[in-house]
Amino acid sequence: MARKFRDDDRNKEVVTAEGDRIGTIHDVNDGRATVERDEDSDGLTGKIKDMLGWGDDDDDNELRDEHVDSYDDDRVRLRRHS
């Protein structure tokens, strides 16, 4: 269900496929979202970071629509990682 990010996606939670919160969409620009990661995001495993292309030291990270499984009123759910 990938689509480009929209302005109304700002401030939505970003959760893993299992429902673990990893952060909040901070900004949307040109159909891409920037995520502010939670400091204690237990759901953000190494596999998920690798899938998203996120480093360990970054606080904000870009989220691409291809990584998203679904959108609802309050959250963005990521695809399952393999």
C-alpha atoms as a PDB file:
ATOM      1  CA  MET A   1       0.000   0.000   0.000  1.00  0.00           C
ATOM      2  CA  ALA A   2       2.893   2.318  -0.698  1.00  0.00           C
ATOM      3  CA  ARG A   3       2.086   5.922  -1.471  1.00  0.00           C
ATOM      4  CA  LYS A   4       4.019   9.141  -1.272  1.00  0.00           C
ATOM      5  CA  PHE A   5       4.100  10.765   2.141  1.00  0.00           C
ATOM      6  CA  ARG A   6       1.787  13.744   2.604  1.00  0.00           C
ATOM      7  CA  ASP A   7       1.749  16.725   4.936  1.00  0.00           C
ATOM      8  CA  ASP A   8      -0.935  15.084   7.092  1.00  0.00           C
ATOM      9  CA  ASP A   9       1.514  12.248   7.896  1.00  0.00           C
ATOM     10  CA  ARG A  10       3.498  14.621  10.157  1.00  0.00           C
ATOM     11  CA  ASN A  11       3.462  13.616  13.828  1.00  0.00           C
ATOM     12  CA  LYS A  12       2.265  10.073  13.108  1.00  0.00           C
ATOM     13  CA  GLU A  13       3.921   7.224  14.984  1.00  0.00           C
ATOM     14  CA  VAL A  14       6.165   4.908  12.995  1.00  0.00           C
ATOM     15  CA  VAL A  15       5.867   1.278  14.109  1.00  0.00           C
ATOM     16  CA  THR A  16       7.427  -1.978  13.005  1.00  0.00           C
ATOM     17  CA  ALA A  17       5.341  -4.707  11.399  1.00  0.00           C
ATOM     18  CA  GLU A  18       5.039  -6.189  14.899  1.00  0.00           C
ATOM     19  CA  GLY A  19       3.690  -2.902  16.299  1.00  0.00           C
ATOM     20  CA  ASP A  20       6.795  -1.713  18.171  1.00  0.00           C
ATOM     21  CA  ARG A  21       7.112   2.068  18.098  1.00  0.00           C
ATOM     22  CA  ILE A  22      10.393   3.371  16.682  1.00  0.00           C
ATOM     23  CA  GLY A  23       9.683   7.084  16.304  1.00  0.00           C
ATOM     24  CA  THR A  24       7.537   9.867  14.887  1.00  0.00           C
ATOM     25  CA  ILE A  25       7.382  11.476  11.466  1.00  0.00           C
ATOM     26  CA  HIS A  26       8.997  14.846  11.991  1.00  0.00           C
ATOM     27  CA  ASP A  27       8.826  16.325   8.508  1.00  0.00           C
ATOM     28  CA  VAL A  28       7.577  15.552   5.013  1.00  0.00           C
ATOM     29  CA  ASN A  29       9.248  17.003   1.933  1.00  0.00           C
ATOM     30  CA  ASP A  30       8.840  15.997  -1.715  1.00  0.00           C
ATOM     31  CA  GLY A  31       7.031  12.780  -0.778  1.00  0.00           C
ATOM     32  CA  ARG A  32       9.689  11.630   1.692  1.00  0.00           C
ATOM     33  CA  ALA A  33       9.440  11.552   5.470  1.00  0.00           C
ATOM     34  CA  THR A  34      12.015  12.284   8.140  1.00  0.00           C
ATOM     35  CA  VAL A  35      11.621  10.215  11.293  1.00  0.00           C
ATOM     36  CA  GLU A  36      12.727  11.336  14.730  1.00  0.00           C
ATOM     37  CA  ARG A  37      13.669   8.088  16.433  1.00  0.00           C
ATOM     38  CA  ASP A  38      12.657   7.347  19.995  1.00  0.00           C
ATOM     39  CA  GLU A  39      15.634   7.123  22.327  1.00  0.00           C
ATOM     40  CA  ASP A  40      14.440   3.837  23.765  1.00  0.00           C
ATOM     41  CA  SER A  41      13.028   2.277  20.603  1.00  0.00           C
ATOM     42  CA  ASP A  42      13.340  -1.413  21.464  1.00  0.00           C
ATOM     43  CA  GLY A  43      11.708  -2.379  18.162  1.00  0.00           C
ATOM     44  CA  LEU A  44      14.522  -0.850  16.133  1.00  0.00           C
ATOM     45  CA  THR A  45      16.689  -3.908  15.602  1.00  0.00           C
ATOM     46  CA  GLY A  46      19.786  -4.087  13.453  1.00  0.00           C
ATOM     47  CA  LYS A  47      17.815  -5.806  10.687  1.00  0.00           C
ATOM     48  CA  ILE A  48      15.278  -2.996  10.560  1.00  0.00           C
ATOM     49  CA  LYS A  49      18.031  -0.350  10.537  1.00  0.00           C
ATOM     50  CA  ASP A  50      19.728  -2.182   7.670  1.00  0.00           C
ATOM     51  CA  MET A  51      16.459  -2.442   5.726  1.00  0.00           C
ATOM     52  CA  LEU A  52      15.867   1.290   6.168  1.00  0.00           C
ATOM     53  CA  GLY A  53      19.497   2.270   5.565  1.00  0.00           C
ATOM     54  CA  TRP A  54      19.749   3.998   8.961  1.00  0.00           C
ATOM     55  CA  GLY A  55      22.981   4.402  10.894  1.00  0.00           C
ATOM     56  CA  ASP A  56      23.399   4.055  14.652  1.00  0.00           C
ATOM     57  CA  ASP A  57      24.345   7.672  15.339  1.00  0.00           C
ATOM     58  CA  ASP A  58      21.588   9.522  13.474  1.00  0.00           C
ATOM     59  CA  ASP A  59      18.635  10.975  15.393  1.00  0.00           C
ATOM     60  CA  ASP A  60      16.592  11.801  12.300  1.00  0.00           C
ATOM     61  CA  ASN A  61      16.285   9.380   9.442  1.00  0.00           C
ATOM     62  CA  GLU A  62      14.630   9.333   6.061  1.00  0.00           C
ATOM     63  CA  LEU A  63      11.777   6.919   5.516  1.00  0.00           C
ATOM     64  CA  ARG A  64      10.892   5.938   1.968  1.00  0.00           C
ATOM     65  CA  ASP A  65       7.416   4.883   0.894  1.00  0.00           C
ATOM     66  CA  GLU A  66       8.710   1.505  -0.281  1.00  0.00           C
ATOM     67  CA  HIS A  67       9.339   0.557   3.377  1.00  0.00           C
ATOM     68  CA  VAL A  68       5.736   1.207   4.406  1.00  0.00           C
ATOM     69  CA  ASP A  69       3.085  -1.471   4.626  1.00  0.00           C
ATOM     70  CA  SER A  70       0.138   0.693   5.707  1.00  0.00           C
ATOM     71  CA  TYR A  71      -0.998   4.115   6.834  1.00  0.00           C
ATOM     72  CA  ASP A  72      -3.843   4.954   9.192  1.00  0.00           C
ATOM     73  CA  ASP A  73      -4.996   8.049  11.070  1.00  0.00           C
ATOM     74  CA  ASP A  74      -2.357   7.810  13.794  1.00  0.00           C
ATOM     75  CA  ARG A  75       0.492   5.642  12.572  1.00  0.00           C
ATOM     76  CA  VAL A  76       2.615   4.358   9.737  1.00  0.00           C
ATOM     77  CA  ARG A  77       3.387   0.627   9.846  1.00  0.00           C
ATOM     78  CA  LEU A  78       6.591  -0.675   8.237  1.00  0.00           C
ATOM     79  CA  ARG A  79       6.794  -3.761   6.042  1.00  0.00           C
ATOM     80  CA  ARG A  80       8.124  -6.965   7.522  1.00  0.00           C
ATOM     81  CA  HIS A  81      11.875  -7.278   7.171  1.00  0.00           C
ATOM     82  CA  SER A  82      13.354 -10.496   5.897  1.00  0.00           C
END
